[in-house]
C-alpha atoms as a PDB file:
ATOM      1  CA  MET A   1     -24.811  -1.973  19.528  1.00  0.00           C
ATOM      2  CA  ARG A   2     -27.433  -0.889  17.019  1.00  0.00           C
ATOM      3  CA  PHE A   3     -26.902   1.982  14.567  1.00  0.00           C
ATOM      4  CA  LEU A   4     -28.844   3.966  11.962  1.00  0.00           C
ATOM      5  CA  ALA A   5     -26.733   5.908   9.466  1.00  0.00           C
ATOM      6  CA  ASP A   6     -28.073   9.102   7.909  1.00  0.00           C
ATOM      7  CA  MET A   7     -27.516  10.076   4.253  1.00  0.00           C
ATOM      8  CA  GLY A   8     -24.266  11.962   4.996  1.00  0.00           C
ATOM      9  CA  ILE A   9     -22.621   8.758   6.201  1.00  0.00           C
ATOM     10  CA  SER A  10     -21.188   6.322   3.686  1.00  0.00           C
ATOM     11  CA  PRO A  11     -22.778   2.877   3.445  1.00  0.00           C
ATOM     12  CA  HIS A  12     -19.209   1.573   3.833  1.00  0.00           C
ATOM     13  CA  ALA A  13     -19.326   2.661   7.492  1.00  0.00           C
ATOM     14  CA  VAL A  14     -22.451   0.525   7.926  1.00  0.00           C
ATOM     15  CA  ILE A  15     -20.696  -2.467   6.386  1.00  0.00           C
ATOM     16  CA  TRP A  16     -17.707  -1.865   8.662  1.00  0.00           C
ATOM     17  CA  LEU A  17     -19.959  -1.762  11.746  1.00  0.00           C
ATOM     18  CA  CYS A  18     -21.678  -4.999  10.702  1.00  0.00           C
ATOM     19  CA  ASN A  19     -18.269  -6.637  10.236  1.00  0.00           C
ATOM     20  CA  GLN A  20     -17.440  -5.540  13.796  1.00  0.00           C
ATOM     21  CA  GLY A  21     -20.512  -7.440  15.056  1.00  0.00           C
ATOM     22  CA  HIS A  22     -22.926  -4.517  15.350  1.00  0.00           C
ATOM     23  CA  ASP A  23     -26.465  -4.234  13.984  1.00  0.00           C
ATOM     24  CA  ALA A  24     -26.245  -1.296  11.562  1.00  0.00           C
ATOM     25  CA  ILE A  25     -28.531  -0.042   8.816  1.00  0.00           C
ATOM     26  CA  HIS A  26     -28.453   2.905   6.426  1.00  0.00           C
ATOM     27  CA  ILE A  27     -31.614   4.963   5.862  1.00  0.00           C
ATOM     28  CA  ARG A  28     -31.139   4.542   2.106  1.00  0.00           C
ATOM     29  CA  ASP A  29     -31.365   0.758   2.489  1.00  0.00           C
ATOM     30  CA  GLU A  30     -34.616   1.245   4.413  1.00  0.00           C
ATOM     31  CA  GLY A  31     -36.063   3.528   1.698  1.00  0.00           C
ATOM     32  CA  LEU A  32     -36.188   6.450   4.143  1.00  0.00           C
ATOM     33  CA  GLU A  33     -34.140   9.023   2.230  1.00  0.00           C
ATOM     34  CA  ARG A  34     -36.959  11.570   2.456  1.00  0.00           C
ATOM     35  CA  PHE A  35     -37.716  10.969   6.136  1.00  0.00           C
ATOM     36  CA  ALA A  36     -37.613  14.134   8.246  1.00  0.00           C
ATOM     37  CA  ASP A  37     -34.853  14.324  10.854  1.00  0.00           C
ATOM     38  CA  ALA A  38     -37.442  14.134  13.662  1.00  0.00           C
ATOM     39  CA  ASP A  39     -38.836  10.916  12.154  1.00  0.00           C
ATOM     40  CA  ILE A  40     -35.350   9.422  11.931  1.00  0.00           C
ATOM     41  CA  LEU A  41     -34.814  10.210  15.615  1.00  0.00           C
ATOM     42  CA  ALA A  42     -38.164   8.612  16.474  1.00  0.00           C
ATOM     43  CA  LYS A  43     -37.301   5.472  14.487  1.00  0.00           C
ATOM     44  CA  SER A  44     -33.905   5.270  16.183  1.00  0.00           C
ATOM     45  CA  ARG A  45     -35.503   5.687  19.608  1.00  0.00           C
ATOM     46  CA  GLN A  46     -38.092   2.965  18.896  1.00  0.00           C
ATOM     47  CA  GLU A  47     -35.474   0.535  17.605  1.00  0.00           C
ATOM     48  CA  GLY A  48     -32.770   1.354  20.157  1.00  0.00           C
ATOM     49  CA  ARG A  49     -30.352   2.626  17.506  1.00  0.00           C
ATOM     50  CA  ILE A  50     -27.572   5.214  17.700  1.00  0.00           C
ATOM     51  CA  VAL A  51     -27.788   7.815  14.928  1.00  0.00           C
ATOM     52  CA  LEU A  52     -24.696   8.431  12.784  1.00  0.00           C
ATOM     53  CA  THR A  53     -24.867  11.718  10.898  1.00  0.00           C
ATOM     54  CA  SER A  54     -23.066  14.783   9.636  1.00  0.00           C
ATOM     55  CA  ASP A  55     -26.199  16.924  10.085  1.00  0.00           C
ATOM     56  CA  LEU A  56     -26.153  19.324  13.061  1.00  0.00           C
ATOM     57  CA  ASP A  57     -29.965  19.432  13.122  1.00  0.00           C
ATOM     58  CA  PHE A  58     -30.066  16.067  14.887  1.00  0.00           C
ATOM     59  CA  GLY A  59     -28.244  17.414  17.922  1.00  0.00           C
ATOM     60  CA  ASP A  60     -30.484  20.478  18.044  1.00  0.00           C
ATOM     61  CA  LEU A  61     -33.672  18.406  17.752  1.00  0.00           C
ATOM     62  CA  LEU A  62     -32.552  15.960  20.405  1.00  0.00           C
ATOM     63  CA  ALA A  63     -31.456  18.697  22.813  1.00  0.00           C
ATOM     64  CA  ALA A  64     -34.764  20.547  22.357  1.00  0.00           C
ATOM     65  CA  SER A  65     -36.780  17.350  22.916  1.00  0.00           C
ATOM     66  CA  GLY A  66     -35.469  16.755  26.434  1.00  0.00           C
ATOM     67  CA  GLU A  67     -35.300  13.025  25.622  1.00  0.00           C
ATOM     68  CA  LEU A  68     -32.613  10.711  26.990  1.00  0.00           C
ATOM     69  CA  LEU A  69     -32.249   8.657  23.808  1.00  0.00           C
ATOM     70  CA  PRO A  70     -31.200   7.991  21.116  1.00  0.00           C
ATOM     71  CA  SER A  71     -27.536   8.821  21.237  1.00  0.00           C
ATOM     72  CA  VAL A  72     -26.349  10.769  18.199  1.00  0.00           C
ATOM     73  CA  ILE A  73     -22.824  10.854  16.786  1.00  0.00           C
ATOM     74  CA  ILE A  74     -22.311  13.910  14.589  1.00  0.00           C
ATOM     75  CA  PHE A  75     -19.231  13.808  12.367  1.00  0.00           C
ATOM     76  CA  ARG A  76     -17.917  17.339  11.686  1.00  0.00           C
ATOM     77  CA  MET A  77     -14.746  16.421   9.840  1.00  0.00           C
ATOM     78  CA  GLN A  78     -13.002  17.894   6.834  1.00  0.00           C
ATOM     79  CA  ASN A  79     -12.294  14.388   5.547  1.00  0.00           C
ATOM     80  CA  MET A  80     -15.526  12.351   5.478  1.00  0.00           C
ATOM     81  CA  ARG A  81     -13.976   9.456   3.556  1.00  0.00           C
ATOM     82  CA  PRO A  82     -15.301   6.159   4.953  1.00  0.00           C
ATOM     83  CA  GLU A  83     -11.947   5.034   6.358  1.00  0.00           C
ATOM     84  CA  ASN A  84     -11.557   8.305   8.280  1.00  0.00           C
ATOM     85  CA  VAL A  85     -15.096   8.145   9.663  1.00  0.00           C
ATOM     86  CA  GLN A  86     -14.519   4.515  10.657  1.00  0.00           C
ATOM     87  CA  LYS A  87     -11.262   5.387  12.414  1.00  0.00           C
ATOM     88  CA  HIS A  88     -12.959   8.048  14.528  1.00  0.00           C
ATOM     89  CA  LEU A  89     -16.039   5.900  15.094  1.00  0.00           C
ATOM     90  CA  ALA A  90     -13.788   3.117  16.433  1.00  0.00           C
ATOM     91  CA  ILE A  91     -12.393   5.586  18.981  1.00  0.00           C
ATOM     92  CA  VAL A  92     -15.892   6.597  20.095  1.00  0.00           C
ATOM     93  CA  LEU A  93     -16.940   2.957  20.456  1.00  0.00           C
ATOM     94  CA  ASP A  94     -13.806   2.082  22.396  1.00  0.00           C
ATOM     95  CA  ARG A  95     -13.846   5.027  24.796  1.00  0.00           C
ATOM     96  CA  TYR A  96     -17.511   5.943  25.207  1.00  0.00           C
ATOM     97  CA  SER A  97     -19.658   2.787  25.183  1.00  0.00           C
ATOM     98  CA  GLU A  98     -21.256   3.654  28.534  1.00  0.00           C
ATOM     99  CA  GLU A  99     -22.216   7.153  27.337  1.00  0.00           C
ATOM    100  CA  LEU A 100     -23.604   5.723  24.092  1.00  0.00           C
ATOM    101  CA  ASP A 101     -25.836   3.358  26.062  1.00  0.00           C
ATOM    102  CA  ARG A 102     -26.935   6.031  28.528  1.00  0.00           C
ATOM    103  CA  GLY A 103     -27.727   8.706  25.936  1.00  0.00           C
ATOM    104  CA  ALA A 104     -25.439  11.442  24.617  1.00  0.00           C
ATOM    105  CA  ILE A 105     -24.717  13.744  21.717  1.00  0.00           C
ATOM    106  CA  PHE A 106     -21.202  13.334  20.314  1.00  0.00           C
ATOM    107  CA  SER A 107     -19.502  15.874  18.097  1.00  0.00           C
ATOM    108  CA  VAL A 108     -16.517  14.316  16.354  1.00  0.00           C
ATOM    109  CA  ASN A 109     -13.843  16.117  14.362  1.00  0.00           C
ATOM    110  CA  GLU A 110     -10.226  15.339  13.538  1.00  0.00           C
ATOM    111  CA  ARG A 111      -8.911  16.988  16.708  1.00  0.00           C
ATOM    112  CA  ARG A 112     -11.391  16.013  19.413  1.00  0.00           C
ATOM    113  CA  ILE A 113     -14.561  14.310  20.512  1.00  0.00           C
ATOM    114  CA  ARG A 114     -17.047  16.348  22.523  1.00  0.00           C
ATOM    115  CA  VAL A 115     -19.703  14.569  24.580  1.00  0.00           C
ATOM    116  CA  HIS A 116     -22.924  16.042  25.947  1.00  0.00           C
ATOM    117  CA  ILE A 117     -24.872  13.676  28.201  1.00  0.00           C
ATOM    118  CA  LEU A 118     -28.632  13.765  27.667  1.00  0.00           C
ATOM    119  CA  PRO A 119     -30.832  15.514  28.478  1.00  0.00           C
ATOM    120  CA  VAL A 120     -29.019  18.700  27.489  1.00  0.00           C
END
């Protein structure tokens, strides 16, 4: 799978994804720190990447757009340490690969994972 990590996600999560065999990039590494959320979604859609973020605006923008892609995983956790994000991301990848491919918004916290299939 292909991923694009937003500024709220540690670059360590990107490294972890790459070590798992995925194609993952961080917007900082692309020099896109000042990109608007809508532009990040457009880039992800063009490149077939899943957005990793802690910013709720991505889910709102995607829902309002009526688009089917990209999938967005929003981490809403108290503990955003890389190892905790990676643990929960591994669960999403293991359980929801079909939904990720098809297009969905995921809201992930320590207690549960909520999935909204696109379009919302």
